[in-house]
């Protein structure tokens, strides 16, 4: 369920909320068979999830934290526009998740190709 909170926060972080992004999150909920209502998390569209205190389930599961970052990149790129605010939010989330910078960059490189 934490995944959904982070995804809704990412959708709202750039100030534009597209129907395709909301549909994406609904599809994730359905595909992962999460027993939650997406309406519960819609407040995160305007008030992002707190990154200050992570739930124990996330602290104990590095794979879940990596998965959330991966899906956040997937969502951010799904509308064809990857904004600086989205990039900042994903990177800050990764830092709060205590994901190694090298791991973050490997995930990022799957979605964002930077000119060297």
C-alpha atoms as a PDB file:
ATOM      1  CA  UNK A   1       0.000   0.000   0.000  1.00  0.00           C
ATOM      2  CA  UNK A   2       2.964   2.334   0.524  1.00  0.00           C
ATOM      3  CA  UNK A   3       3.743   2.086  -3.163  1.00  0.00           C
ATOM      4  CA  UNK A   4       0.428   3.778  -3.971  1.00  0.00           C
ATOM      5  CA  UNK A   5       1.142   6.672  -1.595  1.00  0.00           C
ATOM      6  CA  UNK A   6       4.500   7.320  -3.245  1.00  0.00           C
ATOM      7  CA  UNK A   7       2.995   7.092  -6.727  1.00  0.00           C
ATOM      8  CA  UNK A   8       0.201   9.554  -5.954  1.00  0.00           C
ATOM      9  CA  UNK A   9       2.748  11.912  -4.402  1.00  0.00           C
ATOM     10  CA  UNK A  10       4.850  11.730  -7.567  1.00  0.00           C
ATOM     11  CA  UNK A  11       1.822  12.432  -9.785  1.00  0.00           C
ATOM     12  CA  UNK A  12       1.069  15.653  -7.933  1.00  0.00           C
ATOM     13  CA  UNK A  13       4.644  16.838  -7.454  1.00  0.00           C
ATOM     14  CA  UNK A  14       4.857  18.630 -10.814  1.00  0.00           C
ATOM     15  CA  UNK A  15       1.493  20.352 -10.413  1.00  0.00           C
ATOM     16  CA  UNK A  16      -0.192  18.583 -13.314  1.00  0.00           C
ATOM     17  CA  UNK A  17      -2.388  15.569 -12.783  1.00  0.00           C
ATOM     18  CA  UNK A  18      -3.097  13.597 -15.927  1.00  0.00           C
ATOM     19  CA  UNK A  19      -5.829  10.990 -16.264  1.00  0.00           C
ATOM     20  CA  UNK A  20      -3.281   8.630 -17.805  1.00  0.00           C
ATOM     21  CA  UNK A  21      -1.202   8.812 -14.606  1.00  0.00           C
ATOM     22  CA  UNK A  22      -4.221   8.043 -12.422  1.00  0.00           C
ATOM     23  CA  UNK A  23      -5.088   5.149 -14.728  1.00  0.00           C
ATOM     24  CA  UNK A  24      -1.510   3.880 -14.407  1.00  0.00           C
ATOM     25  CA  UNK A  25      -1.788   3.774 -10.607  1.00  0.00           C
ATOM     26  CA  UNK A  26      -5.162   2.049 -10.805  1.00  0.00           C
ATOM     27  CA  UNK A  27      -3.605  -0.540 -13.114  1.00  0.00           C
ATOM     28  CA  UNK A  28      -0.733  -1.108 -10.674  1.00  0.00           C
ATOM     29  CA  UNK A  29      -3.224  -1.618  -7.841  1.00  0.00           C
ATOM     30  CA  UNK A  30      -5.186  -4.072  -9.930  1.00  0.00           C
ATOM     31  CA  UNK A  31      -2.139  -5.920 -11.315  1.00  0.00           C
ATOM     32  CA  UNK A  32      -0.518  -6.345  -7.896  1.00  0.00           C
ATOM     33  CA  UNK A  33      -3.893  -7.356  -6.439  1.00  0.00           C
ATOM     34  CA  UNK A  34      -3.597  -4.754  -3.694  1.00  0.00           C
ATOM     35  CA  UNK A  35      -6.647  -4.708  -1.476  1.00  0.00           C
ATOM     36  CA  UNK A  36      -6.960  -0.930  -1.256  1.00  0.00           C
ATOM     37  CA  UNK A  37      -9.069   1.825  -2.678  1.00  0.00           C
ATOM     38  CA  UNK A  38      -7.094   4.381  -4.662  1.00  0.00           C
ATOM     39  CA  UNK A  39      -9.413   7.121  -3.353  1.00  0.00           C
ATOM     40  CA  UNK A  40      -7.811   6.660   0.079  1.00  0.00           C
ATOM     41  CA  UNK A  41      -4.520   8.009  -1.254  1.00  0.00           C
ATOM     42  CA  UNK A  42      -5.712  10.870  -3.457  1.00  0.00           C
ATOM     43  CA  UNK A  43      -4.868  13.436  -0.760  1.00  0.00           C
ATOM     44  CA  UNK A  44      -1.209  12.749  -1.632  1.00  0.00           C
ATOM     45  CA  UNK A  45      -1.780  14.439  -5.002  1.00  0.00           C
ATOM     46  CA  UNK A  46      -1.640  17.814  -3.242  1.00  0.00           C
ATOM     47  CA  UNK A  47       0.067  16.851   0.016  1.00  0.00           C
ATOM     48  CA  UNK A  48       2.982  14.460  -0.693  1.00  0.00           C
ATOM     49  CA  UNK A  49       3.669  11.508   1.557  1.00  0.00           C
ATOM     50  CA  UNK A  50       6.122  12.216   4.371  1.00  0.00           C
ATOM     51  CA  UNK A  51       9.624  10.977   3.679  1.00  0.00           C
ATOM     52  CA  UNK A  52      10.801  11.636   7.235  1.00  0.00           C
ATOM     53  CA  UNK A  53       9.671   8.405   8.871  1.00  0.00           C
ATOM     54  CA  UNK A  54       9.627   5.214   6.869  1.00  0.00           C
ATOM     55  CA  UNK A  55       7.305   2.348   7.780  1.00  0.00           C
ATOM     56  CA  UNK A  56       9.038  -0.728   9.221  1.00  0.00           C
ATOM     57  CA  UNK A  57       8.000  -2.856   6.256  1.00  0.00           C
ATOM     58  CA  UNK A  58      10.085  -0.611   4.000  1.00  0.00           C
ATOM     59  CA  UNK A  59      13.026  -0.453   6.371  1.00  0.00           C
ATOM     60  CA  UNK A  60      13.218  -4.239   6.388  1.00  0.00           C
ATOM     61  CA  UNK A  61      12.840  -4.829   2.659  1.00  0.00           C
ATOM     62  CA  UNK A  62      15.468  -3.398   0.314  1.00  0.00           C
ATOM     63  CA  UNK A  63      13.887  -5.117  -2.699  1.00  0.00           C
ATOM     64  CA  UNK A  64      10.581  -3.359  -2.036  1.00  0.00           C
ATOM     65  CA  UNK A  65      12.341   0.007  -1.778  1.00  0.00           C
ATOM     66  CA  UNK A  66      14.131  -0.627  -5.091  1.00  0.00           C
ATOM     67  CA  UNK A  67      10.842  -1.710  -6.674  1.00  0.00           C
ATOM     68  CA  UNK A  68       9.106   1.493  -5.544  1.00  0.00           C
ATOM     69  CA  UNK A  69      11.870   3.645  -7.060  1.00  0.00           C
ATOM     70  CA  UNK A  70      11.698   1.628 -10.297  1.00  0.00           C
ATOM     71  CA  UNK A  71       7.915   2.062 -10.557  1.00  0.00           C
ATOM     72  CA  UNK A  72       8.226   5.774  -9.743  1.00  0.00           C
ATOM     73  CA  UNK A  73      10.579   6.217 -12.718  1.00  0.00           C
ATOM     74  CA  UNK A  74       8.227   4.185 -14.889  1.00  0.00           C
ATOM     75  CA  UNK A  75       5.307   6.425 -13.896  1.00  0.00           C
ATOM     76  CA  UNK A  76       7.293   9.635 -14.342  1.00  0.00           C
ATOM     77  CA  UNK A  77       8.263   8.636 -17.880  1.00  0.00           C
ATOM     78  CA  UNK A  78       4.837   7.254 -18.815  1.00  0.00           C
ATOM     79  CA  UNK A  79       3.437  10.633 -19.876  1.00  0.00           C
ATOM     80  CA  UNK A  80       6.447  11.369 -22.075  1.00  0.00           C
ATOM     81  CA  UNK A  81       7.699  14.206 -19.872  1.00  0.00           C
ATOM     82  CA  UNK A  82      10.177  13.747 -17.042  1.00  0.00           C
ATOM     83  CA  UNK A  83      10.227  16.994 -15.069  1.00  0.00           C
ATOM     84  CA  UNK A  84      12.970  18.261 -12.739  1.00  0.00           C
ATOM     85  CA  UNK A  85      10.482  18.164  -9.837  1.00  0.00           C
ATOM     86  CA  UNK A  86       9.774  14.493 -10.531  1.00  0.00           C
ATOM     87  CA  UNK A  87      13.508  13.780 -10.699  1.00  0.00           C
ATOM     88  CA  UNK A  88      14.092  15.596  -7.400  1.00  0.00           C
ATOM     89  CA  UNK A  89      11.264  13.762  -5.651  1.00  0.00           C
ATOM     90  CA  UNK A  90      12.422  10.349  -6.851  1.00  0.00           C
ATOM     91  CA  UNK A  91      16.027  11.045  -5.864  1.00  0.00           C
ATOM     92  CA  UNK A  92      15.011  12.368  -2.434  1.00  0.00           C
ATOM     93  CA  UNK A  93      12.809   9.318  -1.924  1.00  0.00           C
ATOM     94  CA  UNK A  94      15.738   7.096  -2.869  1.00  0.00           C
ATOM     95  CA  UNK A  95      17.980   8.880  -0.360  1.00  0.00           C
ATOM     96  CA  UNK A  96      15.367   8.541   2.394  1.00  0.00           C
ATOM     97  CA  UNK A  97      15.030   4.857   1.469  1.00  0.00           C
ATOM     98  CA  UNK A  98      18.795   4.553   2.069  1.00  0.00           C
ATOM     99  CA  UNK A  99      19.345   3.165  -1.406  1.00  0.00           C
ATOM    100  CA  UNK A 100      22.980   3.294  -2.472  1.00  0.00           C
ATOM    101  CA  UNK A 101      23.666   6.078  -4.964  1.00  0.00           C
ATOM    102  CA  UNK A 102      25.141   3.526  -7.378  1.00  0.00           C
ATOM    103  CA  UNK A 103      21.926   1.445  -7.207  1.00  0.00           C
ATOM    104  CA  UNK A 104      19.813   4.553  -7.726  1.00  0.00           C
ATOM    105  CA  UNK A 105      21.863   5.524 -10.783  1.00  0.00           C
ATOM    106  CA  UNK A 106      21.520   2.013 -12.247  1.00  0.00           C
ATOM    107  CA  UNK A 107      17.724   2.208 -11.902  1.00  0.00           C
ATOM    108  CA  UNK A 108      17.657   5.770 -13.243  1.00  0.00           C
ATOM    109  CA  UNK A 109      19.759   4.755 -16.251  1.00  0.00           C
ATOM    110  CA  UNK A 110      17.074   2.257 -17.274  1.00  0.00           C
ATOM    111  CA  UNK A 111      14.690   5.178 -17.821  1.00  0.00           C
ATOM    112  CA  UNK A 112      16.747   8.325 -18.290  1.00  0.00           C
ATOM    113  CA  UNK A 113      19.666   8.494 -20.691  1.00  0.00           C
ATOM    114  CA  UNK A 114      21.907  11.441 -19.884  1.00  0.00           C
ATOM    115  CA  UNK A 115      24.399  12.894 -22.316  1.00  0.00           C
ATOM    116  CA  UNK A 116      27.942  12.639 -21.057  1.00  0.00           C
END
